[in-house]
Protein backbone atom coordinates (compact mmCIF):
# COMPACT_ATOMS: atom_id res chain seq x y z
CA MET A 1 -16.54 -7.14 -13.67
CA VAL A 2 -19.85 -5.10 -14.39
CA PHE A 3 -18.27 -1.86 -14.82
CA SER A 4 -16.63 -0.40 -17.61
CA ARG A 5 -15.59 3.08 -19.37
CA ASP A 6 -16.94 3.85 -22.94
CA GLU A 7 -14.02 5.22 -24.70
CA GLN A 8 -15.75 7.68 -26.87
CA SER A 9 -17.71 8.90 -24.24
CA GLN A 10 -15.91 8.26 -21.44
CA SER A 11 -19.47 7.64 -19.81
CA ILE A 12 -19.58 4.91 -17.01
CA ILE A 13 -21.08 1.38 -18.52
CA ALA A 14 -22.94 -1.23 -16.37
CA GLY A 15 -23.32 -4.85 -18.27
CA ILE A 16 -25.67 -7.23 -16.43
CA LEU A 17 -27.05 -10.87 -17.58
CA ASP A 18 -30.63 -10.65 -16.95
CA GLY A 19 -31.96 -14.33 -17.43
CA GLN A 20 -30.61 -14.85 -20.73
CA ASN A 21 -30.40 -11.41 -22.01
CA ALA A 22 -27.35 -9.36 -21.58
CA GLU A 23 -28.27 -5.56 -21.04
CA ARG A 24 -26.21 -2.32 -20.94
CA TYR A 25 -26.83 0.47 -18.71
CA GLU A 26 -25.29 3.95 -18.62
CA CYS A 27 -24.30 4.78 -15.35
CA ALA A 28 -24.49 7.91 -13.48
CA LEU A 29 -22.98 7.85 -9.91
CA SER A 30 -24.20 10.41 -6.57
CA ALA A 31 -23.86 10.52 -2.92
CA CYS A 32 -25.35 12.23 -0.18
CA ALA A 33 -24.39 15.71 -0.54
CA SER A 34 -23.37 16.81 3.35
CA PRO A 35 -19.64 17.14 3.77
CA VAL A 36 -20.42 15.94 7.51
CA CYS A 37 -21.86 12.97 6.78
CA GLY A 38 -19.95 9.94 6.58
CA CYS A 39 -21.88 7.24 4.94
CA ARG A 40 -20.98 4.96 2.22
CA VAL A 41 -24.24 5.02 0.05
CA ILE A 42 -23.59 6.05 -3.15
CA TYR A 43 -26.50 6.07 -5.74
CA LEU A 44 -26.69 4.70 -9.40
CA ASP A 45 -28.91 6.18 -12.00
CA LEU A 46 -28.87 3.29 -14.79
CA THR A 47 -30.72 4.14 -18.53
CA ARG A 48 -30.74 1.29 -21.06
CA ILE A 49 -28.48 1.93 -24.09
CA ASP A 50 -28.95 -1.15 -25.68
CA ALA A 51 -32.51 -1.93 -25.14
CA GLY A 52 -34.17 -3.50 -28.67
CA ASP A 53 -37.63 -3.19 -30.66
CA ASN A 54 -39.46 -5.85 -28.10
CA ASP A 55 -38.42 -3.23 -24.82
CA PRO A 56 -38.22 0.20 -26.40
CA GLN A 57 -39.14 2.29 -23.38
CA CYS A 58 -37.11 0.42 -20.74
CA PRO A 59 -37.65 2.65 -17.56
CA PRO A 60 -34.16 4.00 -15.80
CA ARG A 61 -32.83 1.98 -13.10
CA HIS A 62 -31.74 3.07 -9.54
CA VAL A 63 -30.08 1.31 -7.21
CA LYS A 64 -28.51 2.12 -4.22
CA ILE A 65 -25.72 0.55 -2.15
CA ASN A 66 -24.56 0.71 0.94
CA LEU A 67 -20.52 0.54 0.77
CA ALA A 68 -19.77 -0.28 4.43
CA ASP A 69 -21.59 -3.80 4.15
CA ASN A 70 -22.11 -3.86 0.30
CA SER A 71 -25.41 -4.63 0.66
CA LEU A 72 -28.44 -2.64 -1.01
CA ASP A 73 -29.33 0.34 1.64
CA SER A 74 -31.78 -0.48 3.87
CA ASN A 75 -34.13 2.95 3.85
CA TYR A 76 -33.93 2.47 -0.43
CA THR A 77 -35.62 -1.14 -0.42
CA LYS A 78 -38.41 -0.80 2.31
CA LYS A 79 -40.67 0.74 -0.17
CA LEU A 80 -39.30 -0.32 -3.23
CA PRO A 81 -41.80 -2.20 -5.75
CA ARG A 82 -41.12 -5.83 -6.43
CA GLU A 83 -39.83 -5.53 -9.54
CA GLU A 84 -37.49 -2.73 -8.87
CA LEU A 85 -36.22 -4.91 -5.88
CA ARG A 86 -35.33 -8.05 -7.92
CA PHE A 87 -33.57 -5.98 -10.74
CA ALA A 88 -31.81 -4.24 -7.47
CA GLU A 89 -30.65 -7.45 -6.31
CA LEU A 90 -29.75 -9.31 -9.51
CA PHE A 91 -27.23 -5.85 -10.21
CA LEU A 92 -26.01 -6.32 -6.31
CA ASP A 93 -25.46 -10.10 -7.25
CA SER A 94 -23.61 -9.26 -10.31
CA LEU A 95 -20.98 -7.18 -8.67
CA THR A 96 -17.31 -8.61 -8.34
CA GLU A 97 -14.79 -7.10 -5.84
CA ASP A 98 -13.11 -5.39 -8.33
CA ASP A 99 -16.40 -3.70 -8.80
CA PHE A 100 -17.38 -2.78 -5.17
CA ASP A 101 -13.77 -1.20 -5.24
CA PHE A 102 -14.38 0.97 -8.34
CA LEU A 103 -17.55 2.08 -6.48
CA PHE A 104 -15.58 2.59 -3.29
CA LYS A 105 -12.90 5.02 -4.85
CA LYS A 106 -15.58 6.64 -6.82
CA HIS A 107 -17.72 7.23 -3.90
CA TYR A 108 -14.83 9.19 -1.87
CA GLU A 109 -14.10 10.98 -5.30
CA ILE A 110 -17.98 12.45 -5.06
CA LYS A 111 -17.77 13.42 -1.48
CA HIS A 112 -14.15 14.58 -1.45
CA LEU A 113 -15.14 17.42 -4.50
CA LEU A 114 -18.34 17.99 -2.72
CA THR A 115 -16.48 18.71 0.48
CA LYS A 116 -13.51 20.67 -1.20
CA ALA A 117 -16.44 22.76 -3.02
CA ALA A 118 -18.41 23.73 -0.11
CA LYS A 119 -18.42 26.74 2.00
CA PRO A 120 -18.30 27.19 5.52
CA ASP A 121 -21.62 28.29 5.94
CA GLU A 122 -23.00 25.46 3.73
CA ILE A 123 -21.43 23.21 6.32
CA ASP A 124 -23.98 21.77 9.40
CA ALA A 125 -21.34 19.89 11.39
CA HIS A 126 -21.96 18.77 14.82
CA PHE A 127 -19.85 20.00 17.47
CA ASP A 128 -19.90 19.72 21.45
CA TYR A 129 -20.38 23.02 22.11
CA LYS A 130 -20.20 22.68 26.18
CA GLU A 131 -16.82 21.04 25.89
CA ILE A 132 -14.98 23.17 23.54
CA GLU A 133 -16.66 26.50 25.19
CA ARG A 134 -16.05 25.55 28.64
CA ASP A 135 -12.52 23.07 28.11
CA GLY A 136 -10.68 24.08 24.96
CA MET A 137 -11.53 20.94 23.74
CA MET A 138 -9.56 20.67 19.97
CA SER A 139 -11.12 19.21 16.73
CA GLY A 140 -10.10 17.17 14.26
CA TYR A 141 -10.32 18.16 10.84
CA ASN A 142 -11.24 14.94 9.04
CA GLU A 143 -13.20 14.48 12.19
CA VAL A 144 -15.70 17.20 11.14
CA LEU A 145 -14.89 16.61 7.20
CA PRO A 146 -14.25 13.07 6.84
CA PHE A 147 -13.31 12.98 3.12
CA ALA A 148 -11.58 15.79 3.04
CA ASP A 149 -7.58 15.68 2.18
CA ARG A 150 -6.00 13.28 4.57
CA LEU A 151 -2.66 13.73 5.46
CA HIS A 152 0.41 11.12 5.57
CA VAL A 153 3.72 10.80 6.43
CA THR A 154 6.48 7.66 7.33
CA VAL A 155 7.51 7.67 10.47
CA ALA A 156 9.84 4.98 11.83
CA GLY A 157 9.40 2.54 8.69
CA LYS A 158 5.87 2.85 8.98
CA LYS A 159 3.20 5.19 6.69
CA CYS A 160 0.92 7.21 9.23
CA MET A 161 -2.30 9.56 8.74
CA VAL A 162 -1.91 12.10 10.28
CA VAL A 163 -4.60 13.45 12.94
CA ASP A 164 -4.53 16.98 13.00
CA GLN A 165 -6.69 18.93 16.19
CA TYR A 166 -7.22 22.55 16.43
CA CYS A 167 -9.07 25.01 18.90
CA LEU A 168 -11.99 26.75 17.66
CA LEU A 169 -12.62 29.17 20.40
CA PRO A 170 -13.46 32.63 18.72
CA LYS A 171 -11.26 34.81 20.70
CA CYS A 172 -8.17 32.76 20.78
CA SER A 173 -5.60 33.40 18.48
CA CYS A 174 -3.18 30.21 19.02
CA THR A 175 -1.42 29.04 16.13
CA ASP A 176 -1.66 25.89 17.61
CA THR A 177 -2.47 21.98 16.12
CA ASN A 178 -1.83 18.80 18.09
CA LEU A 179 -0.84 15.79 15.62
CA THR A 180 -1.90 12.16 16.29
CA LEU A 181 0.24 10.12 13.86
CA VAL A 182 -1.74 6.38 13.17
CA HIS A 183 -0.43 3.65 11.58
CA PHE A 184 -2.95 1.25 9.92
CA ASP A 185 -2.15 -2.66 9.76
CA GLN A 186 -3.53 -3.82 6.40
CA VAL A 187 -3.33 -7.32 7.94
CA THR A 188 -5.89 -6.93 11.23
CA ARG A 189 -7.31 -3.81 10.02
CA LYS A 190 -6.40 -1.95 13.12
CA GLY A 191 -4.91 1.42 14.09
CA GLU A 192 -1.54 2.15 16.18
CA GLU A 193 -0.90 5.06 17.60
CA ILE A 194 2.53 6.00 17.12
CA CYS A 195 3.56 9.76 18.44
CA TYR A 196 2.06 12.89 19.51
CA VAL A 197 3.21 16.55 18.60
CA GLU A 198 2.43 19.98 19.16
CA ILE A 199 3.14 22.53 16.51
CA ASN A 200 3.02 26.05 16.25
CA TYR A 201 2.80 26.38 12.35
CA LYS A 202 3.37 30.08 12.83
CA LYS A 203 6.60 29.82 14.50
CA ARG A 204 7.35 26.45 13.00
CA VAL A 205 8.04 24.88 16.67
CA TRP A 206 7.88 21.43 17.30
CA LYS A 207 7.53 19.67 20.51
CA LEU A 208 7.17 15.97 21.23
CA LEU A 209 4.68 15.80 23.92
CA ALA A 210 5.69 13.24 27.12
CA ASP A 211 3.03 10.88 26.85
CA SER A 212 3.81 10.12 23.13
CA PRO A 213 3.74 6.28 22.79
CA VAL A 214 7.16 6.53 20.84
CA GLN A 215 9.46 8.85 21.52
CA LEU A 216 11.36 10.28 18.39
CA ALA A 217 13.65 12.84 17.71
CA THR A 218 11.53 15.94 16.80
CA ASP A 219 13.95 17.02 13.69
CA THR A 220 13.97 13.70 12.18
CA LEU A 221 10.12 13.61 12.11
CA ARG A 222 10.40 17.62 11.11
CA THR A 223 12.16 16.90 8.36
CA ALA A 224 10.29 13.74 7.19
CA THR A 225 6.89 15.64 7.17
CA GLU A 226 7.97 18.95 5.78
CA LYS A 227 9.56 16.22 2.70
CA GLU A 228 6.44 14.68 2.35
CA ILE A 229 3.93 17.07 2.78
CA PRO A 230 4.65 19.97 0.53
CA GLY A 231 3.71 23.19 2.34
CA PHE A 232 2.83 21.53 5.45
CA TYR A 233 2.61 24.83 7.49
CA ASP A 234 0.36 26.50 5.41
CA ILE A 235 -1.99 23.52 5.07
CA LEU A 236 -2.76 23.37 8.73
CA TYR A 237 -3.22 27.17 8.48
CA LYS A 238 -5.94 26.57 6.05
CA ARG A 239 -7.28 23.82 7.77
CA HIS A 240 -7.50 26.20 11.14
CA VAL A 241 -9.08 28.74 9.51
CA ARG A 242 -11.49 26.73 7.58
CA LEU A 243 -12.49 24.54 10.93
CA LYS A 244 -12.77 27.89 12.76
CA ALA A 245 -15.06 29.14 10.13
CA ILE A 246 -17.31 26.14 10.32
CA TYR A 247 -17.30 26.17 13.76
CA ALA A 248 -18.17 29.82 14.29
CA PHE A 249 -21.04 29.46 11.78
CA CYS A 250 -22.62 26.31 13.59
CA LYS A 251 -22.19 27.51 16.92
CA LYS A 252 -24.34 30.93 15.80
CA LYS A 253 -27.03 28.38 14.24
CA HIS A 254 -27.32 25.82 16.88
CA PHE A 255 -25.59 27.11 20.14
CA ALA A 256 -25.89 31.25 20.20
CA ALA A 257 -29.72 30.85 21.50
CA LYS A 258 -28.64 28.93 24.99
CA GLN A 259 -27.96 30.21 28.27
CA PRO A 260 -23.64 31.52 28.03
CA LEU A 261 -21.76 29.00 29.64
CA ILE A 262 -20.42 29.52 33.12
CA MET A 263 -16.90 29.51 32.70
CA PRO A 264 -14.35 28.72 35.46
CA LYS A 265 -12.69 31.60 37.87
CA VAL A 266 -9.49 31.57 35.56
CA SER A 267 -6.60 34.36 36.84
CA ARG A 268 -4.64 36.15 35.00
CA ASN A 269 -1.36 33.77 34.77
CA ASP A 270 -3.22 30.60 35.13
CA PRO A 271 -2.98 28.39 32.09
CA CYS A 272 -5.64 29.58 29.84
CA PRO A 273 -8.65 27.28 29.53
CA CYS A 274 -8.87 27.38 25.53
CA GLY A 275 -5.64 24.70 25.96
CA SER A 276 -2.96 26.87 23.82
CA GLY A 277 -0.65 26.07 26.78
CA LYS A 278 -0.41 30.01 26.98
CA LYS A 279 -1.24 32.35 30.04
CA PHE A 280 -4.67 33.40 30.44
CA LYS A 281 -3.46 37.23 29.92
CA LYS A 282 -1.54 36.13 26.66
CA CYS A 283 -4.28 34.55 24.96
CA CYS A 284 -8.03 34.88 25.44
CA ALA A 285 -7.86 37.66 28.01
CA ASN A 286 -6.15 39.88 25.44
CA PRO A 287 -7.04 38.46 21.82
CA GLN A 288 -5.06 41.22 20.29
CA ILE A 289 -1.71 39.91 21.69
């Protein structure tokens, strides 16, 4: 394995064999700073720590690896000098499966911390404003923030990822979230949707949707979720609030100057277009209710 940890400094050390020379580098890892960018490129800044008298001024090395396919990042290699490209290819060829697994985990840790620290007005996310404003389309938390905390729960003996979606309309006061529970098969690498649930996290009311692939007892599902995800309802509330704040910032930046949408005519007793399930008069027509 190329990577190791220095016991005293706790620095990450990379050791490779360049020809007949064993070289050791102190390694600093980083990634792109955008919380909404789902790229898997990790940046490695390498500083030689065991250069001998014959090579006292060994320059720092820089390598960018795309962990989506474990290759050198194509944008990085286009204008790379021949010697630096040679070193980057040598470094990549030296990496083992354990090294790639180490880099993958470190990349997630870096992006996760960036996502956690970012304020809503620092996150420039992409939204389908027309679908949201006109049709009340809900948005998934991890669809917008791919490296944010992920929720998991065991359902019918299968560990599932929880995909939580929220209404983002500024005037809508609903406290609802739609959950899709997805089980990923580690062998086939394919996802299977287990069930669809609607939850009012303020009132703690659960409803298994009629088109759910698997019909489960809501009490069983609720008990498992509350046990495996401590503070579940508070988590949903905080994720909803943050996602709405990100949307409000992005809408103001990218959509406010455009022509207002022509909204469909809705009578007071019709279902609200935001998708909350309430009547229009008790939802967006009167957000104070």
